[in-house]
Structure formats: C-alpha cells, structure tokens
Amino acid sequence: MIGNNPSMEQVNWTRIQRRALIVSSVGIGACAIGAAFSPEHFFRSYLVAWNFWLGIALGSLVLLMIQYLTGGAWGLLLRRILEASSGTLPLLAILFLPLVAAGLPMLYVWTEPQVVADSPELAHKAAYLNPEAFEIRAAIYLGLWSLLAFLLNRWSSQQDRVGLAIDLSRRSSTLSGPGLALCGVTITFASIDWIMSLEPRWFSTIFPPLYGAGQVLSGMAFSVAVAMLLADYLPLAGVIHSQQRRDLGNLLLAFIMVWAYLSFSQFLIIWAENLPEEIPWYLHRIQGGWQWIAIALVLFQFAAPFLLLLLRDVKENSLRLVGIALLALAMRFVDLYWWVEAAFPGGMSFYWLLDLAALAALGGIWMWLFIWQLKRQSLLPTSDPYLAEYLPEVAP
C-alpha cells in the first residue's frame, strides 16, 4: 500500500511557492494603498500580521526544544515542519525593521516626549519604555531566537548527513533546556514591549504567559495541519496512523485548554479586582463592536475545538483534524487583531480589510521561505537515534 503513495518529490513545490509570492504581491499592493490613506492603520495591521507569523515560527521553536527534552513519536513526525517554521525567524527579524523605522510613533504613545512629560505614570516607566531600549531589546530577542533555531536546524541536518551520531541529538537536548528558559524570559519581555505597551498604563502578570501560550498553540496548529496534508506522501505515508493522529489531536487539545485557562484566569482576576488601571483593557474590548470578537473567541478558539477534539473519530480523520487546526490558526489571528486594534480609540471599522492585506503580504513571503526549507530534507529525521524506538516501522 505504501508503495502506491506519491512521494514528496512529486509535489509541485515551485508552483505553490509561486502562488505564495503572487498572494504576497497582491497583499503588498493593497497595503500600499491602505498606507496612503491611513499610515496609522497600516502599522497596526502590520503589527498584527507580523505577530501572527512570528507566533507560528517562535511557537515551533519552543515545540522543537520541548521535543528534544521529552522525546516521543509526535516530535519525530513534526520535526521537519517545526525546523522549517523556526528557520523563518531571521526573515521575521528583517520584516520587523519597518516597524522600527517608521511605525513606533504611530503605535506607542510612550515614544512621544511631550506625552511622557505630561504623565507621571509614563515618566516613571521611561527608563524602560523608550525607543532606543525598545530597539535594543528587540534585536536581542530576535537574534537569540534566530541563533537557537539555526543551531538546532544545523545539527539536525548534520545528523542526517553523518548517520546515527547520537552526540548531535545530545547536543540539541543540552541546548534545549537553557534555550527554553531563555525563550521564557525573552517572550515575557517581548509581549510587554510589542503588545502590552500599546496601552502602557495597563499591566497583567498573566498576559506574558498567555502571549507565549498563543504562540505555542499557533506552532502546534500549523504543524498538525501541514503534517495531515502531507500524510499521504512518502515518507509519512504509512507512518501517521490512527494512534499518531489521536496523539497529535490530543496535543492540540492540550494547548487549546492552556490558552483558554490563562485567558479566563486573566479575565476573572481583572474583573473581580475591578481596579481602574486594569479594567479598562477589557472595557475597550467588549464595546464598540469588539464584544462580537470576544464572543467569537470563546466559541471558536475554545468551545468548538475543545468539543470536537474530545471525539475519537474526529481526531482519527486527517481532514477533520486539518479543519480544526486551521480554525485554531484563524482564531489566533482574530485574537491578535482583538488585542492590538482595540487598543486604539474608535471601535471597529472597515480597516480590518487592511489587516487581511498585511496578513497576505507577510504570509506569502513567509510561506515561500517555509516551503523552501521544508523541501530541502526528508520529512522524517531518518538518522535520529531514537527513530527505531518511536517509529520502528520506518527505522533502517
């Protein structure tokens, strides 16, 4: 049966990449038109889209390090996808430059000296919230994440070339422990810099873990969707069976529940405390049309995927699992849109079309690079020393 399955080489990757670039070109054109009418809305949309694609890449890096530390067949099935996703972090570092070059004054009120001088709260935070420190920290975050992804991807490629060299796997495992700790710290500060400081008088100790959990959910949902779409192609054909699909579905369910738990905890604590410096964040997001987004997040980022992933038959069906994963990804974008756009006065407007244009503009470029990296190697790490233990059916 496996011999009748097509191989990865039969996929027309060039055509898919070409279409991705066409989508990106259309998105860039639409963004240019939108920026001419409202540069402020353009940079908000750009920030939403950039954080969405960063979430997939950075979430994939975190999952990759978790797999090196914990093991398991799920990680071997997803490793090449996680590597290709995390390998796009240098591109995302480059795509961050337009925000630094021109977008900061239109996004963050703490960049305006007069506003800071008139506000004792902002003046107190000026040592941290200032453009120079913001740019230095961003360079550190993005440089560190790119370095971690580069080393893990490089060692994995070397292992494929030299064969069963267990020292390379141990090297990756050794790096992953401190790497996860560093990611935890840097993602915490990045969430404060890029999202929380849009409303610099607001604070939440739960928001950084919530931001990070959303990224890991994005990475898992994207990886599951790609794996299921390629499940009929060699070398994955015959490897991803019912048990594997259930495991991937259960992992996706677990990360959805983590996101929901943190989201509800933040809402419950802030609403119960009812402090004037905290409650406005939610008040801005449950009026002016934003309340419908909040309801949609509850229904489609938690309730619907949660109930569906409890069903064994759903998890064992590749197409249904793809649908749930894509739904989770779509709602991650909606969640980021809700976080960013509602931070500015005015309520919802037709400028949400600009958010979709920015998503396409950055996404086409990101997808082109992701596919380029994915097709360079076998979809399975055939020289991994634990392959025989976790996936004996494909072990040499």
Protein backbone atom coordinates (compact mmCIF):
# COMPACT_ATOMS: atom_id res chain seq x y z
CA MET A 1 0.00 0.00 0.00
CA ILE A 2 2.82 2.38 0.87
CA GLY A 3 4.45 1.77 -2.49
CA ASN A 4 1.41 3.25 -4.23
CA ASN A 5 1.67 6.52 -2.34
CA PRO A 6 3.23 9.55 -4.05
CA SER A 7 6.48 10.93 -2.68
CA MET A 8 7.34 14.45 -1.61
CA GLU A 9 9.28 14.93 -4.84
CA GLN A 10 6.03 14.67 -6.79
CA VAL A 11 4.57 17.73 -5.07
CA ASN A 12 4.86 20.80 -7.30
CA TRP A 13 6.52 22.95 -4.65
CA THR A 14 7.62 25.54 -7.21
CA ARG A 15 4.03 26.25 -8.22
CA ILE A 16 2.96 26.56 -4.58
CA GLN A 17 5.83 28.95 -3.87
CA ARG A 18 4.97 30.98 -6.95
CA ARG A 19 1.37 31.31 -5.81
CA ALA A 20 2.55 32.34 -2.36
CA LEU A 21 4.56 35.17 -3.90
CA ILE A 22 1.58 36.23 -6.02
CA VAL A 23 -0.58 36.40 -2.89
CA SER A 24 2.17 38.41 -1.18
CA SER A 25 2.37 40.82 -4.13
CA VAL A 26 -1.38 41.43 -4.06
CA GLY A 27 -1.21 41.96 -0.30
CA ILE A 28 1.68 44.40 -0.62
CA GLY A 29 -0.24 46.38 -3.24
CA ALA A 30 -3.31 46.57 -1.01
CA CYS A 31 -1.14 47.60 1.95
CA ALA A 32 0.44 50.37 -0.10
CA ILE A 33 -2.99 51.75 -0.96
CA GLY A 34 -4.13 51.46 2.67
CA ALA A 35 -0.96 53.12 3.96
CA ALA A 36 -1.53 56.07 1.63
CA PHE A 37 -4.96 56.67 3.19
CA SER A 38 -4.09 55.85 6.80
CA PRO A 39 -0.49 55.07 7.77
CA GLU A 40 -1.61 54.65 11.39
CA HIS A 41 -3.97 51.79 10.49
CA PHE A 42 -1.35 50.28 8.22
CA PHE A 43 1.16 49.90 11.02
CA ARG A 44 -1.48 48.46 13.35
CA SER A 45 -2.31 45.88 10.69
CA TYR A 46 1.37 45.21 10.11
CA LEU A 47 1.92 44.60 13.82
CA VAL A 48 -0.99 42.13 13.94
CA ALA A 49 0.21 40.20 10.88
CA TRP A 50 3.84 40.19 11.99
CA ASN A 51 2.92 38.83 15.42
CA PHE A 52 0.77 36.14 13.81
CA TRP A 53 3.58 34.76 11.65
CA LEU A 54 6.08 35.21 14.48
CA GLY A 55 3.76 33.11 16.66
CA ILE A 56 3.98 30.16 14.26
CA ALA A 57 7.76 30.40 13.94
CA LEU A 58 8.54 31.01 17.61
CA GLY A 59 5.93 28.51 18.80
CA SER A 60 7.56 25.93 16.52
CA LEU A 61 10.96 26.67 18.04
CA VAL A 62 9.57 26.13 21.55
CA LEU A 63 7.91 22.87 20.50
CA LEU A 64 11.13 21.71 18.85
CA MET A 65 13.07 22.20 22.09
CA ILE A 66 10.31 20.55 24.13
CA GLN A 67 10.54 17.50 21.87
CA TYR A 68 14.31 17.25 22.25
CA LEU A 69 13.83 17.21 26.03
CA THR A 70 10.83 14.91 26.26
CA GLY A 71 11.08 12.63 23.23
CA GLY A 72 8.06 10.95 21.68
CA ALA A 73 6.91 9.94 18.22
CA TRP A 74 4.93 13.19 17.80
CA GLY A 75 8.14 15.19 17.68
CA LEU A 76 9.76 12.98 15.06
CA LEU A 77 6.67 13.32 12.87
CA LEU A 78 6.64 17.10 13.21
CA ARG A 79 10.35 17.83 13.50
CA ARG A 80 11.00 18.83 9.89
CA ILE A 81 7.92 21.05 9.89
CA LEU A 82 8.98 22.64 13.18
CA GLU A 83 12.51 23.16 11.84
CA ALA A 84 11.27 24.76 8.63
CA SER A 85 8.93 27.06 10.58
CA SER A 86 11.52 28.11 13.16
CA GLY A 87 14.02 28.65 10.35
CA THR A 88 11.97 31.64 9.21
CA LEU A 89 12.88 33.66 12.31
CA PRO A 90 15.72 35.57 10.55
CA LEU A 91 13.19 36.65 7.89
CA LEU A 92 10.82 37.86 10.60
CA ALA A 93 13.68 39.81 12.16
CA ILE A 94 14.11 41.62 8.82
CA LEU A 95 10.37 42.17 8.50
CA PHE A 96 10.40 43.84 11.92
CA LEU A 97 12.51 46.70 10.56
CA PRO A 98 9.61 48.71 9.02
CA LEU A 99 8.02 48.92 12.48
CA VAL A 100 11.25 50.21 13.96
CA ALA A 101 11.97 52.56 11.08
CA ALA A 102 8.62 54.33 10.89
CA GLY A 103 5.91 52.63 12.90
CA LEU A 104 6.79 53.27 16.55
CA PRO A 105 5.38 56.85 16.81
CA MET A 106 2.09 55.69 15.27
CA LEU A 107 1.70 52.72 17.62
CA TYR A 108 3.16 53.59 21.00
CA VAL A 109 2.28 56.79 22.87
CA TRP A 110 5.40 56.46 25.05
CA THR A 111 7.54 57.43 22.04
CA GLU A 112 6.18 61.00 22.25
CA PRO A 113 8.29 63.08 24.69
CA GLN A 114 5.51 65.55 25.46
CA VAL A 115 3.01 62.79 26.32
CA VAL A 116 5.58 61.19 28.64
CA ALA A 117 6.39 64.53 30.28
CA ASP A 118 2.69 65.18 30.98
CA SER A 119 2.11 61.75 32.53
CA PRO A 120 3.81 60.80 35.82
CA GLU A 121 2.99 57.12 35.14
CA LEU A 122 4.75 57.13 31.77
CA ALA A 123 7.61 59.23 33.07
CA HIS A 124 8.18 56.59 35.75
CA LYS A 125 8.44 53.91 33.04
CA ALA A 126 10.56 55.96 30.64
CA ALA A 127 13.79 54.19 31.57
CA TYR A 128 12.30 51.01 30.13
CA LEU A 129 9.79 52.33 27.59
CA ASN A 130 11.86 54.41 25.20
CA PRO A 131 12.65 53.84 21.51
CA GLU A 132 16.36 53.12 21.96
CA ALA A 133 15.83 50.47 24.67
CA PHE A 134 12.91 49.02 22.69
CA GLU A 135 15.09 48.54 19.60
CA ILE A 136 17.99 47.03 21.56
CA ARG A 137 15.72 44.55 23.30
CA ALA A 138 14.04 43.59 20.02
CA ALA A 139 17.44 42.91 18.47
CA ILE A 140 18.34 40.69 21.44
CA TYR A 141 15.08 38.73 21.29
CA LEU A 142 15.12 38.15 17.56
CA GLY A 143 18.86 37.47 17.47
CA LEU A 144 18.66 34.91 20.26
CA TRP A 145 15.66 33.10 18.76
CA SER A 146 17.29 33.03 15.33
CA LEU A 147 20.52 31.64 16.80
CA LEU A 148 18.70 28.86 18.67
CA ALA A 149 16.78 27.89 15.52
CA PHE A 150 19.97 27.98 13.42
CA LEU A 151 21.91 25.71 15.76
CA LEU A 152 19.11 23.15 16.16
CA ASN A 153 18.45 23.04 12.42
CA ARG A 154 22.13 22.82 11.58
CA TRP A 155 22.80 19.94 13.96
CA SER A 156 19.75 18.09 12.67
CA SER A 157 20.99 18.46 9.07
CA GLN A 158 24.46 17.30 10.07
CA GLN A 159 22.98 14.23 11.74
CA ASP A 160 21.20 13.28 8.53
CA ARG A 161 24.47 13.52 6.63
CA VAL A 162 26.75 11.63 9.03
CA GLY A 163 24.25 8.98 10.14
CA LEU A 164 23.49 7.77 13.65
CA ALA A 165 25.58 10.26 15.59
CA ILE A 166 23.90 10.36 18.96
CA ASP A 167 26.16 13.14 20.21
CA LEU A 168 24.36 15.58 17.90
CA SER A 169 20.99 14.67 19.44
CA ARG A 170 22.50 15.06 22.89
CA ARG A 171 23.90 18.41 21.87
CA SER A 172 20.43 19.54 20.78
CA SER A 173 18.93 18.26 24.04
CA THR A 174 21.61 20.03 26.06
CA LEU A 175 20.87 23.30 24.29
CA SER A 176 17.10 22.94 24.58
CA GLY A 177 16.98 23.15 28.38
CA PRO A 178 18.58 26.60 28.75
CA GLY A 179 17.06 27.54 25.39
CA LEU A 180 13.55 27.10 26.75
CA ALA A 181 14.43 29.13 29.83
CA LEU A 182 15.81 31.94 27.66
CA CYS A 183 12.74 31.83 25.44
CA GLY A 184 10.52 32.07 28.52
CA VAL A 185 12.30 35.23 29.68
CA THR A 186 12.55 36.90 26.27
CA ILE A 187 8.97 36.09 25.24
CA THR A 188 7.80 37.64 28.51
CA PHE A 189 9.57 40.93 27.79
CA ALA A 190 8.66 40.82 24.10
CA SER A 191 4.95 40.57 24.98
CA ILE A 192 5.32 43.63 27.21
CA ASP A 193 7.17 45.59 24.55
CA TRP A 194 5.11 44.74 21.49
CA ILE A 195 1.55 44.29 22.81
CA MET A 196 1.12 45.42 26.43
CA SER A 197 2.87 48.75 25.87
CA LEU A 198 0.26 49.70 23.29
CA GLU A 199 -1.65 50.65 26.46
CA PRO A 200 1.28 51.46 28.75
CA ARG A 201 -0.82 52.25 31.81
CA TRP A 202 -2.26 48.71 31.82
CA PHE A 203 -0.48 45.68 33.22
CA SER A 204 -1.18 41.99 33.76
CA THR A 205 1.17 39.33 35.09
CA ILE A 206 -0.80 36.66 33.22
CA PHE A 207 -0.56 38.31 29.81
CA PRO A 208 3.05 37.24 29.01
CA PRO A 209 2.27 33.51 29.61
CA LEU A 210 -0.94 33.99 27.61
CA TYR A 211 1.03 35.54 24.75
CA GLY A 212 3.51 32.66 24.83
CA ALA A 213 0.77 30.02 25.06
CA GLY A 214 -0.86 31.53 21.98
CA GLN A 215 2.40 31.23 20.07
CA VAL A 216 2.85 27.58 21.02
CA LEU A 217 -0.77 26.92 20.02
CA SER A 218 -0.08 28.58 16.66
CA GLY A 219 3.03 26.47 16.12
CA MET A 220 1.22 23.24 17.01
CA ALA A 221 -1.87 24.02 14.92
CA PHE A 222 0.21 24.92 11.86
CA SER A 223 2.44 21.85 12.21
CA VAL A 224 -0.51 19.48 12.64
CA ALA A 225 -2.25 20.96 9.60
CA VAL A 226 0.85 20.56 7.40
CA ALA A 227 1.56 17.04 8.68
CA MET A 228 -2.01 15.92 7.97
CA LEU A 229 -1.95 17.46 4.49
CA LEU A 230 1.27 15.55 3.72
CA ALA A 231 0.24 12.34 5.48
CA ASP A 232 -0.41 10.54 2.17
CA TYR A 233 3.04 11.33 0.79
CA LEU A 234 6.17 9.30 1.38
CA PRO A 235 7.91 9.08 3.79
CA LEU A 236 4.97 9.99 6.08
CA ALA A 237 2.59 7.59 4.31
CA GLY A 238 2.07 4.54 6.47
CA VAL A 239 3.70 6.22 9.46
CA ILE A 240 0.88 8.55 10.52
CA HIS A 241 -1.79 6.06 11.53
CA SER A 242 -4.79 6.36 13.83
CA GLN A 243 -2.75 6.39 17.04
CA GLN A 244 -0.47 9.12 15.71
CA ARG A 245 -3.41 11.27 14.66
CA ARG A 246 -5.02 10.85 18.07
CA ASP A 247 -1.78 11.88 19.78
CA LEU A 248 -1.46 14.99 17.63
CA GLY A 249 -5.12 15.83 18.22
CA ASN A 250 -4.67 15.42 21.97
CA LEU A 251 -1.64 17.71 21.96
CA LEU A 252 -3.57 20.33 20.03
CA LEU A 253 -6.41 19.98 22.54
CA ALA A 254 -3.98 20.41 25.44
CA PHE A 255 -2.60 23.69 24.10
CA ILE A 256 -6.12 24.99 23.39
CA MET A 257 -7.01 24.27 27.01
CA VAL A 258 -3.87 26.04 28.27
CA TRP A 259 -4.76 29.13 26.22
CA ALA A 260 -8.35 29.03 27.50
CA TYR A 261 -7.26 28.59 31.12
CA LEU A 262 -4.90 31.56 31.00
CA SER A 263 -7.42 33.73 29.14
CA PHE A 264 -10.18 33.00 31.63
CA SER A 265 -7.81 33.46 34.60
CA GLN A 266 -6.77 36.91 33.39
CA PHE A 267 -10.38 37.94 32.77
CA LEU A 268 -11.58 36.61 36.14
CA ILE A 269 -8.83 38.27 38.18
CA ILE A 270 -9.08 41.65 36.47
CA TRP A 271 -12.87 41.68 36.54
CA ALA A 272 -13.01 40.65 40.20
CA GLU A 273 -10.43 43.23 41.30
CA ASN A 274 -12.16 45.98 39.27
CA LEU A 275 -9.14 48.28 39.55
CA PRO A 276 -9.23 51.48 37.47
CA GLU A 277 -5.78 50.81 35.99
CA GLU A 278 -6.69 47.26 34.86
CA ILE A 279 -10.39 47.02 33.99
CA PRO A 280 -10.32 49.49 31.01
CA TRP A 281 -8.41 46.88 28.94
CA TYR A 282 -11.48 44.65 28.91
CA LEU A 283 -13.95 47.52 28.74
CA HIS A 284 -12.33 48.63 25.47
CA ARG A 285 -12.78 45.10 24.11
CA ILE A 286 -16.42 44.44 24.99
CA GLN A 287 -18.00 47.51 23.43
CA GLY A 288 -17.97 49.35 20.11
CA GLY A 289 -18.41 46.09 18.19
CA TRP A 290 -15.46 44.37 19.86
CA GLN A 291 -17.82 42.31 22.01
CA TRP A 292 -18.63 40.14 18.98
CA ILE A 293 -14.95 39.33 18.59
CA ALA A 294 -14.80 38.34 22.26
CA ILE A 295 -17.78 36.02 21.83
CA ALA A 296 -16.27 34.52 18.67
CA LEU A 297 -13.03 33.78 20.54
CA VAL A 298 -14.91 31.94 23.27
CA LEU A 299 -16.93 29.93 20.75
CA PHE A 300 -14.36 29.18 18.07
CA GLN A 301 -10.97 29.29 19.76
CA PHE A 302 -12.11 27.24 22.73
CA ALA A 303 -15.61 25.75 22.77
CA ALA A 304 -15.85 24.32 19.24
CA PRO A 305 -12.28 22.89 19.00
CA PHE A 306 -12.49 21.60 22.58
CA LEU A 307 -15.73 19.69 21.99
CA LEU A 308 -14.64 18.37 18.60
CA LEU A 309 -11.24 17.17 19.81
CA LEU A 310 -12.91 15.17 22.57
CA LEU A 311 -14.34 12.89 19.85
CA ARG A 312 -12.12 9.98 18.89
CA ASP A 313 -13.49 9.77 15.33
CA VAL A 314 -12.69 13.43 14.69
CA LYS A 315 -9.06 13.07 15.79
CA GLU A 316 -8.57 9.97 13.66
CA ASN A 317 -9.77 11.73 10.50
CA SER A 318 -6.98 13.70 8.79
CA LEU A 319 -9.24 16.19 7.00
CA ARG A 320 -11.24 16.96 10.14
CA LEU A 321 -8.03 17.43 12.10
CA VAL A 322 -6.77 19.81 9.41
CA GLY A 323 -10.03 21.77 9.66
CA ILE A 324 -9.76 22.13 13.44
CA ALA A 325 -6.10 23.14 13.23
CA LEU A 326 -6.87 25.78 10.59
CA LEU A 327 -9.76 27.05 12.71
CA ALA A 328 -7.39 27.42 15.68
CA LEU A 329 -4.92 29.31 13.46
CA ALA A 330 -7.61 31.62 12.13
CA MET A 331 -8.77 32.41 15.65
CA ARG A 332 -5.21 33.11 16.73
CA PHE A 333 -5.16 35.87 14.11
CA VAL A 334 -8.53 37.15 15.36
CA ASP A 335 -7.20 37.12 18.93
CA LEU A 336 -4.18 39.21 17.96
CA TYR A 337 -6.43 41.55 15.99
CA TRP A 338 -8.59 41.97 19.12
CA TRP A 339 -5.55 42.64 21.29
CA VAL A 340 -3.96 45.24 19.00
CA GLU A 341 -6.73 47.08 17.17
CA ALA A 342 -8.94 47.53 20.23
CA ALA A 343 -6.08 49.33 21.99
CA PHE A 344 -6.85 52.37 19.84
CA PRO A 345 -10.00 54.53 20.09
CA GLY A 346 -12.76 54.42 17.54
CA GLY A 347 -14.17 50.91 17.59
CA MET A 348 -14.26 48.52 14.66
CA SER A 349 -14.06 49.90 11.11
CA PHE A 350 -13.62 48.77 7.53
CA TYR A 351 -9.85 48.93 8.05
CA TRP A 352 -9.98 45.26 9.08
CA LEU A 353 -9.51 44.64 5.35
CA LEU A 354 -6.05 46.14 5.76
CA ASP A 355 -5.32 43.56 8.44
CA LEU A 356 -6.08 40.79 5.93
CA ALA A 357 -3.92 42.51 3.32
CA ALA A 358 -0.98 42.69 5.73
CA LEU A 359 -1.54 39.04 6.66
CA ALA A 360 -1.30 38.07 2.99
CA ALA A 361 1.66 40.37 2.29
CA LEU A 362 3.83 38.93 5.04
CA GLY A 363 2.36 35.44 4.82
CA GLY A 364 3.21 34.89 1.17
CA ILE A 365 6.87 35.70 1.77
CA TRP A 366 6.92 33.62 4.94
CA MET A 367 5.29 30.64 3.22
CA TRP A 368 7.76 30.80 0.33
CA LEU A 369 10.68 30.53 2.73
CA PHE A 370 8.97 27.84 4.82
CA ILE A 371 8.43 25.63 1.75
CA TRP A 372 11.98 26.24 0.54
CA GLN A 373 13.34 24.95 3.84
CA LEU A 374 10.83 22.09 4.15
CA LYS A 375 11.64 20.56 0.76
CA ARG A 376 15.41 20.53 1.37
CA GLN A 377 15.32 17.40 3.56
CA SER A 378 13.37 14.23 4.11
CA LEU A 379 10.15 14.72 6.06
CA LEU A 380 11.45 12.25 8.65
CA PRO A 381 14.77 12.52 10.53
CA THR A 382 15.92 9.08 9.38
CA SER A 383 19.24 9.28 11.26
CA ASP A 384 17.74 10.15 14.62
CA PRO A 385 18.99 7.59 17.19
CA TYR A 386 15.52 7.27 18.71
CA LEU A 387 13.73 6.58 15.42
CA ALA A 388 13.72 2.80 15.96
CA GLU A 389 12.18 3.25 19.42
CA TYR A 390 9.42 5.65 18.47
CA LEU A 391 8.75 4.77 14.82
CA PRO A 392 10.00 1.19 14.30
CA GLU A 393 8.10 0.81 11.02
CA VAL A 394 10.43 3.25 9.25
CA ALA A 395 13.67 2.57 11.10
CA PRO A 396 16.52 1.44 8.80
